Amino acid sequence: MKILIDECLPSRLKHQYPDHIVFTVQEMGWEGKKDKELLKLAVDEGFEIFITIDKNIEHQQNISEIRLGIIVFDIPRTKLENLIPMTNKVIELISKARPFKVYQVKPTMDIKKKGK
């Protein structure tokens, strides 16, 4: 899978997903882009998964028009050490994630699927 990691997450997070093609927003040169433009660029560049902590993304964007699976970390602190314990669940979710859907991952390892 081709994965884009949002700029609000540590760039080193990409190394947790070695079996996938992973880029950060910064590596793509897309820092500061508004979500709508960023998500369109991601789709146009062939990304399949977008990973973020923006819990409002599903309310701010029309997810039914975004051909990406969106994984949202529901976590108060974005330090890498807080994200690593969720790596296995995210890897499992990446293989199951579908376009036009938002998935929330919490520290308890729960997944909530939202969307169609």
N, C-alpha and C. Protein backbone atom coordinates (compact mmCIF):
# COMPACT_ATOMS: atom_id res chain seq x y z
N MET A 1 0.84 -1.19 0.00
CA MET A 1 0.00 0.00 0.00
C MET A 1 0.88 1.24 0.00
N LYS A 2 0.38 2.27 -0.64
CA LYS A 2 1.07 3.56 -0.65
C LYS A 2 0.40 4.44 0.40
N ILE A 3 1.18 4.87 1.38
CA ILE A 3 0.65 5.55 2.57
C ILE A 3 1.24 6.94 2.69
N LEU A 4 0.37 7.90 3.05
CA LEU A 4 0.81 9.27 3.33
C LEU A 4 0.57 9.55 4.80
N ILE A 5 1.61 10.05 5.48
CA ILE A 5 1.51 10.40 6.90
C ILE A 5 1.42 11.91 7.02
N ASP A 6 0.40 12.37 7.72
CA ASP A 6 0.13 13.79 7.89
C ASP A 6 1.28 14.50 8.60
N GLU A 7 1.40 15.79 8.34
CA GLU A 7 2.48 16.58 8.93
C GLU A 7 2.36 16.75 10.44
N CYS A 8 1.20 16.47 11.00
CA CYS A 8 1.00 16.61 12.45
C CYS A 8 1.53 15.40 13.23
N LEU A 9 2.02 14.40 12.51
CA LEU A 9 2.58 13.20 13.14
C LEU A 9 4.10 13.19 12.97
N PRO A 10 4.82 12.51 13.86
CA PRO A 10 6.28 12.45 13.72
C PRO A 10 6.67 11.75 12.41
N SER A 11 7.59 12.32 11.69
CA SER A 11 8.00 11.74 10.41
C SER A 11 8.62 10.35 10.58
N ARG A 12 9.20 10.08 11.74
CA ARG A 12 9.80 8.76 11.99
C ARG A 12 8.74 7.65 12.08
N LEU A 13 7.48 8.02 12.18
CA LEU A 13 6.41 7.02 12.22
C LEU A 13 6.44 6.15 10.96
N LYS A 14 6.88 6.70 9.85
CA LYS A 14 6.90 5.95 8.59
C LYS A 14 7.70 4.66 8.69
N HIS A 15 8.70 4.61 9.56
CA HIS A 15 9.54 3.43 9.69
C HIS A 15 8.83 2.27 10.39
N GLN A 16 7.66 2.52 10.93
CA GLN A 16 6.87 1.46 11.59
C GLN A 16 6.14 0.58 10.57
N TYR A 17 6.15 0.99 9.30
CA TYR A 17 5.39 0.28 8.26
C TYR A 17 6.32 -0.12 7.11
N PRO A 18 7.33 -0.96 7.39
CA PRO A 18 8.36 -1.27 6.39
C PRO A 18 7.86 -2.05 5.17
N ASP A 19 6.74 -2.70 5.27
CA ASP A 19 6.22 -3.47 4.14
C ASP A 19 5.39 -2.64 3.18
N HIS A 20 5.35 -1.34 3.41
CA HIS A 20 4.54 -0.45 2.58
C HIS A 20 5.40 0.69 2.04
N ILE A 21 4.88 1.37 1.04
CA ILE A 21 5.53 2.55 0.49
C ILE A 21 4.97 3.74 1.26
N VAL A 22 5.81 4.37 2.06
CA VAL A 22 5.32 5.41 2.98
C VAL A 22 6.08 6.72 2.77
N PHE A 23 5.32 7.79 2.64
CA PHE A 23 5.87 9.14 2.53
C PHE A 23 5.19 10.01 3.57
N THR A 24 5.89 11.05 3.98
CA THR A 24 5.28 12.05 4.85
C THR A 24 4.86 13.24 3.99
N VAL A 25 3.94 14.03 4.52
CA VAL A 25 3.52 15.25 3.84
C VAL A 25 4.75 16.12 3.57
N GLN A 26 5.66 16.18 4.52
CA GLN A 26 6.87 16.99 4.36
C GLN A 26 7.72 16.50 3.19
N GLU A 27 7.88 15.19 3.08
CA GLU A 27 8.68 14.63 1.98
C GLU A 27 8.07 14.96 0.62
N MET A 28 6.76 15.05 0.58
CA MET A 28 6.07 15.35 -0.67
C MET A 28 6.09 16.85 -0.98
N GLY A 29 6.51 17.66 -0.01
CA GLY A 29 6.53 19.11 -0.20
C GLY A 29 5.16 19.75 -0.07
N TRP A 30 4.28 19.11 0.68
CA TRP A 30 2.90 19.56 0.80
C TRP A 30 2.58 20.20 2.15
N GLU A 31 3.59 20.62 2.90
CA GLU A 31 3.34 21.22 4.21
C GLU A 31 2.44 22.44 4.06
N GLY A 32 1.54 22.61 5.02
CA GLY A 32 0.69 23.79 5.06
C GLY A 32 -0.51 23.75 4.13
N LYS A 33 -0.65 22.69 3.35
CA LYS A 33 -1.81 22.59 2.46
C LYS A 33 -3.07 22.35 3.30
N LYS A 34 -4.17 22.92 2.86
CA LYS A 34 -5.46 22.66 3.50
C LYS A 34 -5.84 21.21 3.23
N ASP A 35 -6.64 20.63 4.13
CA ASP A 35 -6.99 19.21 4.01
C ASP A 35 -7.56 18.85 2.65
N LYS A 36 -8.48 19.64 2.14
CA LYS A 36 -9.14 19.30 0.87
C LYS A 36 -8.10 19.19 -0.25
N GLU A 37 -7.21 20.17 -0.33
CA GLU A 37 -6.17 20.14 -1.36
C GLU A 37 -5.19 19.00 -1.12
N LEU A 38 -4.81 18.80 0.12
CA LEU A 38 -3.87 17.73 0.48
C LEU A 38 -4.43 16.36 0.10
N LEU A 39 -5.68 16.11 0.43
CA LEU A 39 -6.29 14.82 0.12
C LEU A 39 -6.42 14.61 -1.38
N LYS A 40 -6.73 15.66 -2.12
CA LYS A 40 -6.80 15.56 -3.58
C LYS A 40 -5.42 15.24 -4.16
N LEU A 41 -4.39 15.92 -3.68
CA LEU A 41 -3.03 15.63 -4.13
C LEU A 41 -2.66 14.18 -3.83
N ALA A 42 -3.02 13.71 -2.65
CA ALA A 42 -2.72 12.33 -2.26
C ALA A 42 -3.38 11.34 -3.21
N VAL A 43 -4.64 11.55 -3.51
CA VAL A 43 -5.35 10.66 -4.44
C VAL A 43 -4.69 10.72 -5.82
N ASP A 44 -4.41 11.92 -6.29
CA ASP A 44 -3.80 12.10 -7.62
C ASP A 44 -2.43 11.43 -7.72
N GLU A 45 -1.71 11.35 -6.60
CA GLU A 45 -0.38 10.72 -6.57
C GLU A 45 -0.44 9.22 -6.29
N GLY A 46 -1.64 8.67 -6.19
CA GLY A 46 -1.79 7.23 -6.03
C GLY A 46 -1.71 6.70 -4.61
N PHE A 47 -1.81 7.60 -3.63
CA PHE A 47 -1.83 7.12 -2.25
C PHE A 47 -3.14 6.39 -1.99
N GLU A 48 -3.08 5.37 -1.13
CA GLU A 48 -4.26 4.58 -0.80
C GLU A 48 -4.71 4.79 0.64
N ILE A 49 -3.77 5.18 1.50
CA ILE A 49 -4.05 5.37 2.93
C ILE A 49 -3.48 6.72 3.37
N PHE A 50 -4.25 7.42 4.20
CA PHE A 50 -3.79 8.67 4.81
C PHE A 50 -3.87 8.48 6.31
N ILE A 51 -2.76 8.73 7.02
CA ILE A 51 -2.72 8.57 8.48
C ILE A 51 -2.58 9.95 9.11
N THR A 52 -3.45 10.25 10.09
CA THR A 52 -3.50 11.57 10.71
C THR A 52 -3.93 11.45 12.17
N ILE A 53 -3.96 12.58 12.87
CA ILE A 53 -4.59 12.63 14.19
C ILE A 53 -5.78 13.58 14.17
N ASP A 54 -6.12 14.08 13.00
CA ASP A 54 -7.21 15.05 12.86
C ASP A 54 -8.56 14.35 12.99
N LYS A 55 -9.09 14.31 14.21
CA LYS A 55 -10.36 13.63 14.47
C LYS A 55 -11.54 14.32 13.82
N ASN A 56 -11.37 15.56 13.40
CA ASN A 56 -12.47 16.29 12.76
C ASN A 56 -12.51 16.11 11.26
N ILE A 57 -11.58 15.38 10.70
CA ILE A 57 -11.48 15.28 9.24
C ILE A 57 -12.77 14.77 8.61
N GLU A 58 -13.43 13.83 9.28
CA GLU A 58 -14.65 13.28 8.70
C GLU A 58 -15.81 14.27 8.73
N HIS A 59 -15.73 15.28 9.58
CA HIS A 59 -16.77 16.30 9.65
C HIS A 59 -16.44 17.50 8.76
N GLN A 60 -15.16 17.67 8.46
CA GLN A 60 -14.73 18.81 7.66
C GLN A 60 -14.65 18.49 6.17
N GLN A 61 -14.55 17.21 5.83
CA GLN A 61 -14.42 16.79 4.43
C GLN A 61 -15.54 15.83 4.07
N ASN A 62 -15.87 15.79 2.80
CA ASN A 62 -16.86 14.84 2.31
C ASN A 62 -16.13 13.53 2.01
N ILE A 63 -16.10 12.65 2.97
CA ILE A 63 -15.33 11.40 2.87
C ILE A 63 -15.80 10.55 1.70
N SER A 64 -17.07 10.64 1.34
CA SER A 64 -17.60 9.83 0.23
C SER A 64 -17.00 10.23 -1.11
N GLU A 65 -16.25 11.34 -1.14
CA GLU A 65 -15.61 11.79 -2.38
C GLU A 65 -14.10 11.56 -2.36
N ILE A 66 -13.59 10.98 -1.29
CA ILE A 66 -12.13 10.85 -1.14
C ILE A 66 -11.74 9.38 -1.27
N ARG A 67 -11.05 9.06 -2.35
CA ARG A 67 -10.66 7.68 -2.63
C ARG A 67 -9.41 7.29 -1.82
N LEU A 68 -9.55 7.40 -0.51
CA LEU A 68 -8.49 7.02 0.42
C LEU A 68 -9.11 6.33 1.62
N GLY A 69 -8.40 5.39 2.20
CA GLY A 69 -8.73 4.93 3.53
C GLY A 69 -8.03 5.88 4.49
N ILE A 70 -8.74 6.41 5.45
CA ILE A 70 -8.16 7.39 6.37
C ILE A 70 -8.10 6.77 7.76
N ILE A 71 -6.90 6.72 8.30
CA ILE A 71 -6.68 6.18 9.64
C ILE A 71 -6.38 7.34 10.57
N VAL A 72 -7.19 7.46 11.62
CA VAL A 72 -7.05 8.56 12.57
C VAL A 72 -6.60 8.01 13.92
N PHE A 73 -5.45 8.46 14.38
CA PHE A 73 -5.01 8.13 15.73
C PHE A 73 -5.83 8.99 16.69
N ASP A 74 -6.56 8.36 17.58
CA ASP A 74 -7.33 9.07 18.60
C ASP A 74 -6.47 9.05 19.87
N ILE A 75 -5.55 9.99 19.94
CA ILE A 75 -4.56 10.00 21.00
C ILE A 75 -4.22 11.45 21.34
N PRO A 76 -4.04 11.77 22.61
CA PRO A 76 -3.80 13.17 22.98
C PRO A 76 -2.39 13.67 22.66
N ARG A 77 -1.41 12.78 22.65
CA ARG A 77 -0.02 13.21 22.41
C ARG A 77 0.54 12.47 21.21
N THR A 78 1.19 13.20 20.34
CA THR A 78 1.67 12.60 19.10
C THR A 78 3.14 12.20 19.13
N LYS A 79 3.68 12.02 20.31
CA LYS A 79 5.07 11.55 20.39
C LYS A 79 5.14 10.12 19.86
N LEU A 80 6.24 9.83 19.20
CA LEU A 80 6.41 8.51 18.60
C LEU A 80 6.22 7.39 19.62
N GLU A 81 6.73 7.59 20.83
CA GLU A 81 6.60 6.53 21.84
C GLU A 81 5.14 6.25 22.22
N ASN A 82 4.24 7.20 22.00
CA ASN A 82 2.82 6.98 22.26
C ASN A 82 2.14 6.27 21.09
N LEU A 83 2.71 6.40 19.90
CA LEU A 83 2.12 5.81 18.70
C LEU A 83 2.59 4.38 18.46
N ILE A 84 3.82 4.08 18.82
CA ILE A 84 4.39 2.76 18.55
C ILE A 84 3.57 1.61 19.12
N PRO A 85 3.00 1.71 20.33
CA PRO A 85 2.20 0.59 20.84
C PRO A 85 1.00 0.24 19.96
N MET A 86 0.60 1.13 19.09
CA MET A 86 -0.55 0.87 18.21
C MET A 86 -0.13 0.36 16.84
N THR A 87 1.17 0.17 16.62
CA THR A 87 1.68 -0.19 15.30
C THR A 87 1.05 -1.46 14.75
N ASN A 88 1.00 -2.53 15.53
CA ASN A 88 0.46 -3.79 15.01
C ASN A 88 -0.99 -3.65 14.59
N LYS A 89 -1.77 -2.93 15.36
CA LYS A 89 -3.18 -2.74 15.01
C LYS A 89 -3.30 -1.91 13.73
N VAL A 90 -2.46 -0.90 13.59
CA VAL A 90 -2.50 -0.08 12.37
C VAL A 90 -2.08 -0.91 11.16
N ILE A 91 -1.06 -1.74 11.30
CA ILE A 91 -0.63 -2.60 10.20
C ILE A 91 -1.76 -3.53 9.78
N GLU A 92 -2.43 -4.11 10.75
CA GLU A 92 -3.58 -4.97 10.47
C GLU A 92 -4.67 -4.18 9.75
N LEU A 93 -4.91 -2.99 10.21
CA LEU A 93 -5.95 -2.15 9.63
C LEU A 93 -5.59 -1.71 8.21
N ILE A 94 -4.33 -1.43 7.95
CA ILE A 94 -3.91 -1.02 6.61
C ILE A 94 -4.33 -2.06 5.58
N SER A 95 -4.18 -3.32 5.92
CA SER A 95 -4.53 -4.39 4.97
C SER A 95 -6.03 -4.50 4.74
N LYS A 96 -6.83 -3.99 5.66
CA LYS A 96 -8.29 -4.09 5.56
C LYS A 96 -8.95 -2.78 5.16
N ALA A 97 -8.24 -1.68 5.28
CA ALA A 97 -8.83 -0.35 5.04
C ALA A 97 -9.30 -0.22 3.60
N ARG A 98 -10.41 0.47 3.44
CA ARG A 98 -11.01 0.68 2.13
C ARG A 98 -11.17 2.17 1.86
N PRO A 99 -11.16 2.53 0.58
CA PRO A 99 -11.38 3.95 0.24
C PRO A 99 -12.73 4.43 0.75
N PHE A 100 -12.83 5.72 0.95
CA PHE A 100 -14.07 6.38 1.37
C PHE A 100 -14.46 6.05 2.82
N LYS A 101 -13.51 5.57 3.60
CA LYS A 101 -13.79 5.19 4.99
C LYS A 101 -12.78 5.86 5.93
N VAL A 102 -13.25 6.12 7.14
CA VAL A 102 -12.40 6.65 8.21
C VAL A 102 -12.35 5.61 9.32
N TYR A 103 -11.15 5.32 9.80
CA TYR A 103 -10.95 4.35 10.87
C TYR A 103 -10.24 5.05 12.01
N GLN A 104 -10.77 4.92 13.21
CA GLN A 104 -10.12 5.52 14.39
C GLN A 104 -9.42 4.43 15.19
N VAL A 105 -8.19 4.72 15.57
CA VAL A 105 -7.41 3.79 16.38
C VAL A 105 -7.09 4.48 17.69
N LYS A 106 -7.44 3.83 18.78
CA LYS A 106 -7.21 4.38 20.12
C LYS A 106 -6.12 3.58 20.82
N PRO A 107 -5.53 4.16 21.86
CA PRO A 107 -4.47 3.44 22.60
C PRO A 107 -4.91 2.09 23.13
N THR A 108 -6.19 1.88 23.34
CA THR A 108 -6.69 0.60 23.83
C THR A 108 -6.69 -0.45 22.73
N MET A 109 -6.25 -0.04 21.53
CA MET A 109 -6.19 -0.90 20.35
C MET A 109 -7.55 -1.12 19.71
N ASP A 110 -8.54 -0.35 20.11
CA ASP A 110 -9.85 -0.46 19.49
C ASP A 110 -9.84 0.22 18.13
N ILE A 111 -10.64 -0.29 17.23
CA ILE A 111 -10.81 0.34 15.91
C ILE A 111 -12.28 0.65 15.74
N LYS A 112 -12.56 1.86 15.30
CA LYS A 112 -13.93 2.23 14.97
C LYS A 112 -13.96 2.54 13.49
N LYS A 113 -14.86 1.90 12.77
CA LYS A 113 -15.00 2.15 11.34
C LYS A 113 -16.16 3.10 11.15
N LYS A 114 -15.94 4.14 10.36
CA LYS A 114 -16.99 5.10 10.08
C LYS A 114 -17.12 5.26 8.58
N GLY A 115 -18.28 5.66 8.13
CA GLY A 115 -18.50 5.86 6.70
C GLY A 115 -19.41 4.78 6.17
N LYS A 116 -19.52 4.74 4.83
CA LYS A 116 -20.43 3.80 4.17
C LYS A 116 -20.09 2.37 4.49
